[in-house]
Amino acid sequence: MPEPLKRATIYLDPALHRALRLKAASSNRTVSDLVNEAVRQSLREDQEDLAAFAERVAEPTMSYEALLEDLKAHGKL
């Protein structure tokens, strides 16, 4: 049996709320469906970012100063 939905209070910028209500009405969906979808997508993107960081953890890092020096040495600045 699925877990019951949780209720939350969020505060939206009035223009965003208006746009969200219009999108919900035009797509025959609820505001809650759209917000849940947006949150899921954001969390998926976070998961992808964390996976990319984990894959690159062994790569050498370069300071901003070193990057600028490298660009100048290769005639790109």
Protein backbone atom coordinates (compact mmCIF):
# COMPACT_ATOMS: atom_id res chain seq x y z
CA MET A 1 0.00 0.00 0.00
CA PRO A 2 1.49 3.37 -0.98
CA GLU A 3 2.38 5.85 1.71
CA PRO A 4 -0.23 8.62 2.07
CA LEU A 5 0.64 11.99 0.59
CA LYS A 6 2.13 14.61 2.91
CA ARG A 7 0.82 18.12 3.11
CA ALA A 8 3.24 21.07 3.05
CA THR A 9 2.92 24.82 2.99
CA ILE A 10 5.15 26.61 0.52
CA TYR A 11 5.30 30.29 -0.36
CA LEU A 12 5.62 31.16 -4.03
CA ASP A 13 6.30 34.41 -5.77
CA PRO A 14 2.87 35.59 -7.01
CA ALA A 15 3.96 35.56 -10.66
CA LEU A 16 5.27 32.00 -10.34
CA HIS A 17 2.07 30.91 -8.62
CA ARG A 18 -0.03 32.44 -11.41
CA ALA A 19 2.10 30.74 -14.09
CA LEU A 20 1.92 27.43 -12.24
CA ARG A 21 -1.87 27.64 -11.94
CA LEU A 22 -2.18 28.44 -15.65
CA LYS A 23 0.11 25.57 -16.62
CA ALA A 24 -1.84 23.19 -14.39
CA ALA A 25 -5.13 24.27 -15.94
CA SER A 26 -3.85 24.08 -19.52
CA SER A 27 -2.32 20.63 -18.99
CA ASN A 28 -5.23 19.18 -16.98
CA ARG A 29 -2.92 18.50 -14.05
CA THR A 30 -2.84 19.72 -10.49
CA VAL A 31 -0.43 22.25 -9.07
CA SER A 32 0.72 19.50 -6.71
CA ASP A 33 1.53 17.20 -9.66
CA LEU A 34 3.59 19.92 -11.31
CA VAL A 35 5.46 20.78 -8.10
CA ASN A 36 6.16 17.09 -7.38
CA GLU A 37 7.46 16.62 -10.93
CA ALA A 38 9.72 19.69 -10.65
CA VAL A 39 11.13 18.55 -7.30
CA ARG A 40 11.76 15.03 -8.63
CA GLN A 41 13.56 16.47 -11.67
CA SER A 42 15.70 18.70 -9.48
CA LEU A 43 16.65 15.75 -7.26
CA ARG A 44 17.50 13.63 -10.33
CA GLU A 45 19.78 16.43 -11.56
CA ASP A 46 21.45 16.58 -8.14
CA GLN A 47 21.99 12.82 -8.28
CA GLU A 48 23.55 13.11 -11.75
CA ASP A 49 25.82 15.94 -10.56
CA LEU A 50 26.97 13.92 -7.55
CA ALA A 51 27.69 10.92 -9.79
CA ALA A 52 29.75 13.14 -12.12
CA PHE A 53 31.71 14.53 -9.17
CA ALA A 54 32.36 10.99 -7.92
CA GLU A 55 33.63 9.93 -11.36
CA ARG A 56 36.03 12.87 -11.49
CA VAL A 57 37.28 12.76 -7.90
CA ALA A 58 40.70 11.41 -8.96
CA GLU A 59 41.26 14.11 -11.58
CA PRO A 60 43.87 16.74 -10.74
CA THR A 61 42.56 20.13 -9.75
CA MET A 62 43.79 23.49 -10.97
CA SER A 63 43.52 26.75 -9.12
CA TYR A 64 41.96 29.76 -10.81
CA GLU A 65 45.35 31.47 -10.85
CA ALA A 66 46.98 28.44 -12.51
CA LEU A 67 44.19 28.35 -15.08
CA LEU A 68 44.77 32.01 -15.95
CA GLU A 69 48.52 31.37 -16.26
CA ASP A 70 47.86 28.37 -18.50
CA LEU A 71 45.52 30.38 -20.74
CA LYS A 72 48.08 33.18 -21.02
CA ALA A 73 50.92 30.72 -21.77
CA HIS A 74 48.86 29.24 -24.63
CA GLY A 75 47.95 32.66 -26.07
CA LYS A 76 44.29 32.50 -25.14
CA LEU A 77 44.38 35.62 -22.96
